[in-house]
PDB file of all heavy atoms in Angstrom:
ATOM      1  N   THR A   1       6.919  -5.370 -23.980  1.00  0.00           N
ATOM      2  CA  THR A   1       6.914  -6.810 -23.797  1.00  0.00           C
ATOM      3  C   THR A   1       8.497  -7.175 -23.868  1.00  0.00           C
ATOM      4  O   THR A   1       9.287  -6.681 -24.628  1.00  0.00           O
ATOM      5  CB  THR A   1       6.264  -7.516 -24.807  1.00  0.00           C
ATOM      6  OG1 THR A   1       4.930  -7.038 -24.821  1.00  0.00           O
ATOM      7  CG2 THR A   1       6.219  -9.014 -24.607  1.00  0.00           C
ATOM      8  N   ARG A   2       8.902  -8.099 -22.948  1.00  0.00           N
ATOM      9  CA  ARG A   2      10.231  -8.608 -22.919  1.00  0.00           C
ATOM     10  C   ARG A   2      10.223 -10.090 -22.390  1.00  0.00           C
ATOM     11  O   ARG A   2       9.287 -10.418 -21.794  1.00  0.00           O
ATOM     12  CB  ARG A   2      11.227  -7.767 -22.043  1.00  0.00           C
ATOM     13  CG  ARG A   2      10.880  -7.866 -20.516  1.00  0.00           C
ATOM     14  CD  ARG A   2      11.935  -7.163 -19.783  1.00  0.00           C
ATOM     15  NE  ARG A   2      11.715  -7.344 -18.324  1.00  0.00           N
ATOM     16  CZ  ARG A   2      12.351  -6.795 -17.322  1.00  0.00           C
ATOM     17  NH1 ARG A   2      13.359  -6.024 -17.678  1.00  0.00           N
ATOM     18  NH2 ARG A   2      12.082  -7.093 -16.136  1.00  0.00           N
ATOM     19  N   VAL A   3      11.319 -10.759 -22.602  1.00  0.00           N
ATOM     20  CA  VAL A   3      11.537 -12.119 -22.082  1.00  0.00           C
ATOM     21  C   VAL A   3      12.651 -12.116 -21.085  1.00  0.00           C
ATOM     22  O   VAL A   3      13.712 -11.544 -21.290  1.00  0.00           O
ATOM     23  CB  VAL A   3      11.871 -13.058 -23.213  1.00  0.00           C
ATOM     24  CG1 VAL A   3      12.108 -14.501 -22.611  1.00  0.00           C
ATOM     25  CG2 VAL A   3      10.851 -13.169 -24.340  1.00  0.00           C
ATOM     26  N   LEU A   4      12.207 -12.429 -19.890  1.00  0.00           N
ATOM     27  CA  LEU A   4      13.083 -12.593 -18.669  1.00  0.00           C
ATOM     28  C   LEU A   4      13.055 -13.849 -18.055  1.00  0.00           C
ATOM     29  O   LEU A   4      11.959 -14.369 -17.640  1.00  0.00           O
ATOM     30  CB  LEU A   4      12.733 -11.354 -17.692  1.00  0.00           C
ATOM     31  CG  LEU A   4      13.743 -11.254 -16.535  1.00  0.00           C
ATOM     32  CD1 LEU A   4      15.109 -10.854 -17.000  1.00  0.00           C
ATOM     33  CD2 LEU A   4      13.121 -10.248 -15.642  1.00  0.00           C
ATOM     34  N   GLN A   5      14.267 -14.606 -17.990  1.00  0.00           N
ATOM     35  CA  GLN A   5      14.250 -15.902 -17.393  1.00  0.00           C
ATOM     36  C   GLN A   5      13.297 -16.779 -18.106  1.00  0.00           C
ATOM     37  O   GLN A   5      12.571 -17.607 -17.491  1.00  0.00           O
ATOM     38  CB  GLN A   5      14.006 -15.805 -15.902  1.00  0.00           C
ATOM     39  CG  GLN A   5      14.996 -15.029 -15.036  1.00  0.00           C
ATOM     40  CD  GLN A   5      16.322 -15.788 -15.007  1.00  0.00           C
ATOM     41  OE1 GLN A   5      16.387 -16.811 -14.547  1.00  0.00           O
ATOM     42  NE2 GLN A   5      17.390 -14.966 -15.334  1.00  0.00           N
ATOM     43  N   GLY A   6      13.113 -16.633 -19.434  1.00  0.00           N
ATOM     44  CA  GLY A   6      12.274 -17.480 -20.241  1.00  0.00           C
ATOM     45  C   GLY A   6      10.881 -17.212 -20.226  1.00  0.00           C
ATOM     46  O   GLY A   6      10.047 -17.894 -20.738  1.00  0.00           O
ATOM     47  N   LYS A   7      10.422 -16.251 -19.475  1.00  0.00           N
ATOM     48  CA  LYS A   7       9.096 -15.772 -19.312  1.00  0.00           C
ATOM     49  C   LYS A   7       8.851 -14.499 -20.014  1.00  0.00           C
ATOM     50  O   LYS A   7       9.517 -13.490 -19.806  1.00  0.00           O
ATOM     51  CB  LYS A   7       8.677 -15.724 -17.878  1.00  0.00           C
ATOM     52  CG  LYS A   7       7.228 -15.415 -17.614  1.00  0.00           C
ATOM     53  CD  LYS A   7       7.046 -15.281 -16.011  1.00  0.00           C
ATOM     54  CE  LYS A   7       5.697 -14.751 -15.837  1.00  0.00           C
ATOM     55  NZ  LYS A   7       5.390 -14.481 -14.241  1.00  0.00           N
ATOM     56  N   THR A   8       7.792 -14.454 -20.856  1.00  0.00           N
ATOM     57  CA  THR A   8       7.316 -13.244 -21.530  1.00  0.00           C
ATOM     58  C   THR A   8       6.524 -12.436 -20.664  1.00  0.00           C
ATOM     59  O   THR A   8       5.550 -12.928 -19.983  1.00  0.00           O
ATOM     60  CB  THR A   8       6.715 -13.484 -22.791  1.00  0.00           C
ATOM     61  OG1 THR A   8       7.399 -14.254 -23.636  1.00  0.00           O
ATOM     62  CG2 THR A   8       6.200 -12.324 -23.545  1.00  0.00           C
ATOM     63  N   GLU A   9       6.825 -11.174 -20.500  1.00  0.00           N
ATOM     64  CA  GLU A   9       6.034 -10.328 -19.591  1.00  0.00           C
ATOM     65  C   GLU A   9       6.047  -8.828 -19.979  1.00  0.00           C
ATOM     66  O   GLU A   9       6.896  -8.555 -20.849  1.00  0.00           O
ATOM     67  CB  GLU A   9       6.671 -10.370 -18.116  1.00  0.00           C
ATOM     68  CG  GLU A   9       8.126  -9.889 -18.052  1.00  0.00           C
ATOM     69  CD  GLU A   9       8.690 -10.144 -16.668  1.00  0.00           C
ATOM     70  OE1 GLU A   9       8.226 -10.894 -15.849  1.00  0.00           O
ATOM     71  OE2 GLU A   9       9.760  -9.583 -16.506  1.00  0.00           O
ATOM     72  N   LYS A  10       5.164  -8.049 -19.521  1.00  0.00           N
ATOM     73  CA  LYS A  10       5.237  -6.724 -19.775  1.00  0.00           C
ATOM     74  C   LYS A  10       6.130  -5.976 -18.757  1.00  0.00           C
ATOM     75  O   LYS A  10       6.230  -6.218 -17.704  1.00  0.00           O
ATOM     76  CB  LYS A  10       3.772  -6.078 -19.637  1.00  0.00           C
ATOM     77  CG  LYS A  10       3.727  -4.641 -19.821  1.00  0.00           C
ATOM     78  CD  LYS A  10       2.359  -4.283 -20.558  1.00  0.00           C
ATOM     79  CE  LYS A  10       2.335  -2.930 -21.078  1.00  0.00           C
ATOM     80  NZ  LYS A  10       2.487  -1.675 -20.783  1.00  0.00           N
ATOM     81  N   HIS A  11       6.920  -5.141 -19.328  1.00  0.00           N
ATOM     82  CA  HIS A  11       7.995  -4.347 -18.640  1.00  0.00           C
ATOM     83  C   HIS A  11       7.503  -2.843 -18.588  1.00  0.00           C
ATOM     84  O   HIS A  11       7.415  -2.204 -19.559  1.00  0.00           O
ATOM     85  CB  HIS A  11       9.352  -4.582 -19.135  1.00  0.00           C
ATOM     86  CG  HIS A  11      10.499  -3.878 -18.242  1.00  0.00           C
ATOM     87  ND1 HIS A  11      11.222  -2.976 -18.733  1.00  0.00           N
ATOM     88  CD2 HIS A  11      10.806  -4.170 -16.986  1.00  0.00           C
ATOM     89  CE1 HIS A  11      12.053  -2.629 -17.760  1.00  0.00           C
ATOM     90  NE2 HIS A  11      11.824  -3.408 -16.651  1.00  0.00           N
ATOM     91  N   ASN A  12       7.174  -2.292 -17.443  1.00  0.00           N
ATOM     92  CA  ASN A  12       6.489  -0.983 -17.409  1.00  0.00           C
ATOM     93  C   ASN A  12       7.451   0.227 -17.208  1.00  0.00           C
ATOM     94  O   ASN A  12       6.981   1.249 -16.934  1.00  0.00           O
ATOM     95  CB  ASN A  12       5.378  -0.932 -16.281  1.00  0.00           C
ATOM     96  CG  ASN A  12       4.314  -1.820 -16.514  1.00  0.00           C
ATOM     97  OD1 ASN A  12       3.973  -2.089 -17.668  1.00  0.00           O
ATOM     98  ND2 ASN A  12       3.755  -2.407 -15.427  1.00  0.00           N
ATOM     99  N   GLY A  13       8.753   0.004 -17.368  1.00  0.00           N
ATOM    100  CA  GLY A  13       9.629   1.032 -17.351  1.00  0.00           C
ATOM    101  C   GLY A  13      10.943   0.847 -18.109  1.00  0.00           C
ATOM    102  O   GLY A  13      11.025  -0.115 -18.975  1.00  0.00           O
ATOM    103  N   TYR A  14      11.893   1.567 -17.831  1.00  0.00           N
ATOM    104  CA  TYR A  14      13.267   1.356 -18.344  1.00  0.00           C
ATOM    105  C   TYR A  14      14.165   0.819 -17.269  1.00  0.00           C
ATOM    106  O   TYR A  14      14.099   1.167 -16.091  1.00  0.00           O
ATOM    107  CB  TYR A  14      13.924   2.696 -18.757  1.00  0.00           C
ATOM    108  CG  TYR A  14      13.524   3.285 -20.106  1.00  0.00           C
ATOM    109  CD1 TYR A  14      13.974   4.613 -20.444  1.00  0.00           C
ATOM    110  CD2 TYR A  14      12.699   2.621 -20.864  1.00  0.00           C
ATOM    111  CE1 TYR A  14      13.675   5.175 -21.594  1.00  0.00           C
ATOM    112  CE2 TYR A  14      12.236   3.232 -22.114  1.00  0.00           C
ATOM    113  CZ  TYR A  14      12.792   4.365 -22.584  1.00  0.00           C
ATOM    114  OH  TYR A  14      12.490   5.021 -23.683  1.00  0.00           O
ATOM    115  N   ASP A  15      15.111  -0.072 -17.640  1.00  0.00           N
ATOM    116  CA  ASP A  15      16.194  -0.532 -16.803  1.00  0.00           C
ATOM    117  C   ASP A  15      17.306   0.236 -17.194  1.00  0.00           C
ATOM    118  O   ASP A  15      17.570   0.268 -18.469  1.00  0.00           O
ATOM    119  CB  ASP A  15      16.365  -2.013 -16.702  1.00  0.00           C
ATOM    120  CG  ASP A  15      15.343  -2.765 -15.988  1.00  0.00           C
ATOM    121  OD1 ASP A  15      14.503  -2.064 -15.248  1.00  0.00           O
ATOM    122  OD2 ASP A  15      15.277  -3.971 -16.104  1.00  0.00           O
ATOM    123  N   MET A  16      18.184   0.835 -16.323  1.00  0.00           N
ATOM    124  CA  MET A  16      19.199   1.751 -16.844  1.00  0.00           C
ATOM    125  C   MET A  16      20.304   1.765 -15.749  1.00  0.00           C
ATOM    126  O   MET A  16      20.210   1.583 -14.568  1.00  0.00           O
ATOM    127  CB  MET A  16      18.671   3.121 -17.249  1.00  0.00           C
ATOM    128  CG  MET A  16      18.013   3.820 -16.009  1.00  0.00           C
ATOM    129  SD  MET A  16      17.392   5.522 -16.395  1.00  0.00           S
ATOM    130  CE  MET A  16      16.229   5.305 -17.655  1.00  0.00           C
ATOM    131  N   VAL A  17      21.517   2.187 -16.263  1.00  0.00           N
ATOM    132  CA  VAL A  17      22.615   2.451 -15.442  1.00  0.00           C
ATOM    133  C   VAL A  17      23.309   3.761 -15.860  1.00  0.00           C
ATOM    134  O   VAL A  17      23.475   4.067 -16.925  1.00  0.00           O
ATOM    135  CB  VAL A  17      23.704   1.251 -15.765  1.00  0.00           C
ATOM    136  CG1 VAL A  17      25.001   1.534 -15.047  1.00  0.00           C
ATOM    137  CG2 VAL A  17      23.144  -0.093 -15.525  1.00  0.00           C
ATOM    138  N   GLY A  18      23.452   4.503 -14.683  1.00  0.00           N
ATOM    139  CA  GLY A  18      24.174   5.720 -14.829  1.00  0.00           C
ATOM    140  C   GLY A  18      25.755   5.598 -15.228  1.00  0.00           C
ATOM    141  O   GLY A  18      26.337   4.676 -14.639  1.00  0.00           O
ATOM    142  N   ILE A  19      26.242   6.346 -16.246  1.00  0.00           N
ATOM    143  CA  ILE A  19      27.646   6.133 -16.605  1.00  0.00           C
ATOM    144  C   ILE A  19      28.364   7.322 -15.900  1.00  0.00           C
ATOM    145  O   ILE A  19      28.206   8.505 -16.254  1.00  0.00           O
ATOM    146  CB  ILE A  19      27.657   6.273 -18.129  1.00  0.00           C
ATOM    147  CG1 ILE A  19      26.988   5.025 -18.763  1.00  0.00           C
ATOM    148  CG2 ILE A  19      29.266   6.249 -18.442  1.00  0.00           C
ATOM    149  CD1 ILE A  19      26.941   5.109 -20.359  1.00  0.00           C
ATOM    150  N   GLY A  20      29.016   6.971 -14.870  1.00  0.00           N
ATOM    151  CA  GLY A  20      29.930   7.974 -14.089  1.00  0.00           C
ATOM    152  C   GLY A  20      29.283   8.242 -12.751  1.00  0.00           C
ATOM    153  O   GLY A  20      29.809   9.033 -12.095  1.00  0.00           O
ATOM    154  N   SER A  21      28.046   7.829 -12.542  1.00  0.00           N
ATOM    155  CA  SER A  21      27.476   7.989 -11.245  1.00  0.00           C
ATOM    156  C   SER A  21      26.483   6.893 -10.779  1.00  0.00           C
ATOM    157  O   SER A  21      25.606   6.510 -11.687  1.00  0.00           O
ATOM    158  CB  SER A  21      26.757   9.460 -11.216  1.00  0.00           C
ATOM    159  OG  SER A  21      26.171   9.585  -9.948  1.00  0.00           O
ATOM    160  N   TYR A  22      26.407   6.554  -9.506  1.00  0.00           N
ATOM    161  CA  TYR A  22      25.374   5.706  -9.073  1.00  0.00           C
ATOM    162  C   TYR A  22      24.317   6.413  -8.339  1.00  0.00           C
ATOM    163  O   TYR A  22      23.334   5.831  -7.870  1.00  0.00           O
ATOM    164  CB  TYR A  22      25.895   4.659  -8.073  1.00  0.00           C
ATOM    165  CG  TYR A  22      26.687   3.495  -8.870  1.00  0.00           C
ATOM    166  CD1 TYR A  22      26.963   3.348 -10.224  1.00  0.00           C
ATOM    167  CD2 TYR A  22      27.305   2.474  -8.078  1.00  0.00           C
ATOM    168  CE1 TYR A  22      27.601   2.320 -10.702  1.00  0.00           C
ATOM    169  CE2 TYR A  22      27.920   1.472  -8.585  1.00  0.00           C
ATOM    170  CZ  TYR A  22      28.114   1.400  -9.963  1.00  0.00           C
ATOM    171  OH  TYR A  22      28.833   0.336 -10.499  1.00  0.00           O
ATOM    172  N   ASN A  23      24.476   7.774  -8.193  1.00  0.00           N
ATOM    173  CA  ASN A  23      23.549   8.582  -7.385  1.00  0.00           C
ATOM    174  C   ASN A  23      22.322   8.888  -8.214  1.00  0.00           C
ATOM    175  O   ASN A  23      22.337   9.520  -9.315  1.00  0.00           O
ATOM    176  CB  ASN A  23      24.206   9.894  -6.969  1.00  0.00           C
ATOM    177  CG  ASN A  23      25.285   9.657  -6.042  1.00  0.00           C
ATOM    178  OD1 ASN A  23      25.034   9.083  -5.044  1.00  0.00           O
ATOM    179  ND2 ASN A  23      26.510  10.276  -6.262  1.00  0.00           N
ATOM    180  N   ILE A  24      21.207   8.390  -7.700  1.00  0.00           N
ATOM    181  CA  ILE A  24      19.920   8.622  -8.433  1.00  0.00           C
ATOM    182  C   ILE A  24      19.293   9.942  -8.079  1.00  0.00           C
ATOM    183  O   ILE A  24      19.176  10.151  -6.874  1.00  0.00           O
ATOM    184  CB  ILE A  24      18.923   7.454  -8.035  1.00  0.00           C
ATOM    185  CG1 ILE A  24      19.485   6.138  -8.599  1.00  0.00           C
ATOM    186  CG2 ILE A  24      17.625   7.628  -8.601  1.00  0.00           C
ATOM    187  CD1 ILE A  24      18.852   4.869  -8.077  1.00  0.00           C
ATOM    188  N   ILE A  25      18.751  10.725  -9.013  1.00  0.00           N
ATOM    189  CA  ILE A  25      18.141  12.016  -8.729  1.00  0.00           C
ATOM    190  C   ILE A  25      16.750  12.023  -9.283  1.00  0.00           C
ATOM    191  O   ILE A  25      16.318  11.330 -10.211  1.00  0.00           O
ATOM    192  CB  ILE A  25      19.051  13.227  -9.421  1.00  0.00           C
ATOM    193  CG1 ILE A  25      19.125  13.138 -10.805  1.00  0.00           C
ATOM    194  CG2 ILE A  25      20.428  13.257  -8.666  1.00  0.00           C
ATOM    195  CD1 ILE A  25      19.729  14.266 -11.630  1.00  0.00           C
ATOM    196  N   SER A  26      15.945  13.022  -8.779  1.00  0.00           N
ATOM    197  CA  SER A  26      14.652  13.212  -9.105  1.00  0.00           C
ATOM    198  C   SER A  26      14.647  13.900 -10.515  1.00  0.00           C
ATOM    199  O   SER A  26      15.460  14.872 -10.704  1.00  0.00           O
ATOM    200  CB  SER A  26      13.829  13.932  -8.161  1.00  0.00           C
ATOM    201  OG  SER A  26      12.543  14.158  -8.560  1.00  0.00           O
ATOM    202  N   VAL A  27      13.627  13.316 -11.401  1.00  0.00           N
ATOM    203  CA  VAL A  27      13.547  14.147 -12.658  1.00  0.00           C
ATOM    204  C   VAL A  27      12.512  15.190 -12.666  1.00  0.00           C
ATOM    205  O   VAL A  27      12.304  15.828 -13.716  1.00  0.00           O
ATOM    206  CB  VAL A  27      13.324  13.079 -13.855  1.00  0.00           C
ATOM    207  CG1 VAL A  27      14.489  12.116 -13.986  1.00  0.00           C
ATOM    208  CG2 VAL A  27      11.934  12.331 -13.633  1.00  0.00           C
ATOM    209  N   CYS A  28      11.899  15.406 -11.559  1.00  0.00           N
ATOM    210  CA  CYS A  28      10.787  16.387 -11.423  1.00  0.00           C
ATOM    211  C   CYS A  28      10.675  16.923 -10.006  1.00  0.00           C
ATOM    212  O   CYS A  28      11.320  16.351  -9.013  1.00  0.00           O
ATOM    213  CB  CYS A  28       9.530  15.660 -11.796  1.00  0.00           C
ATOM    214  SG  CYS A  28       8.990  14.423 -10.730  1.00  0.00           S
ATOM    215  N   ASP A  29       9.987  18.041  -9.826  1.00  0.00           N
ATOM    216  CA  ASP A  29       9.587  18.493  -8.417  1.00  0.00           C
ATOM    217  C   ASP A  29       8.380  17.675  -8.055  1.00  0.00           C
ATOM    218  O   ASP A  29       7.567  17.198  -8.887  1.00  0.00           O
ATOM    219  CB  ASP A  29       9.135  19.909  -8.640  1.00  0.00           C
ATOM    220  CG  ASP A  29      10.268  20.917  -9.011  1.00  0.00           C
ATOM    221  OD1 ASP A  29      11.448  20.463  -8.924  1.00  0.00           O
ATOM    222  OD2 ASP A  29       9.814  22.066  -9.360  1.00  0.00           O
ATOM    223  N   GLY A  30       8.321  17.377  -6.755  1.00  0.00           N
ATOM    224  CA  GLY A  30       7.188  16.766  -6.151  1.00  0.00           C
ATOM    225  C   GLY A  30       7.341  16.279  -4.728  1.00  0.00           C
ATOM    226  O   GLY A  30       8.176  16.997  -3.990  1.00  0.00           O
ATOM    227  N   LYS A  31       6.508  15.415  -4.254  1.00  0.00           N
ATOM    228  CA  LYS A  31       6.618  14.860  -2.940  1.00  0.00           C
ATOM    229  C   LYS A  31       6.742  13.434  -2.885  1.00  0.00           C
ATOM    230  O   LYS A  31       6.181  12.622  -3.609  1.00  0.00           O
ATOM    231  CB  LYS A  31       5.257  15.314  -2.318  1.00  0.00           C
ATOM    232  CG  LYS A  31       5.270  14.918  -0.835  1.00  0.00           C
ATOM    233  CD  LYS A  31       3.909  15.435  -0.190  1.00  0.00           C
ATOM    234  CE  LYS A  31       4.079  15.605   1.250  1.00  0.00           C
ATOM    235  NZ  LYS A  31       3.272  16.612   1.802  1.00  0.00           N
ATOM    236  N   VAL A  32       7.666  12.996  -1.932  1.00  0.00           N
ATOM    237  CA  VAL A  32       7.858  11.466  -1.782  1.00  0.00           C
ATOM    238  C   VAL A  32       6.774  10.895  -1.139  1.00  0.00           C
ATOM    239  O   VAL A  32       6.281  11.312  -0.117  1.00  0.00           O
ATOM    240  CB  VAL A  32       9.100  11.245  -0.979  1.00  0.00           C
ATOM    241  CG1 VAL A  32       9.360   9.756  -0.703  1.00  0.00           C
ATOM    242  CG2 VAL A  32      10.437  11.854  -1.703  1.00  0.00           C
TER     243      VAL A  32
END
């Protein structure tokens, strides 16, 4: 649970920023 723009809501993940890279990589093997 978090408050965003004055509204309480469920947040189903993490918001994050890479330090030193903006390139997003897969954390697992799989299929897009």
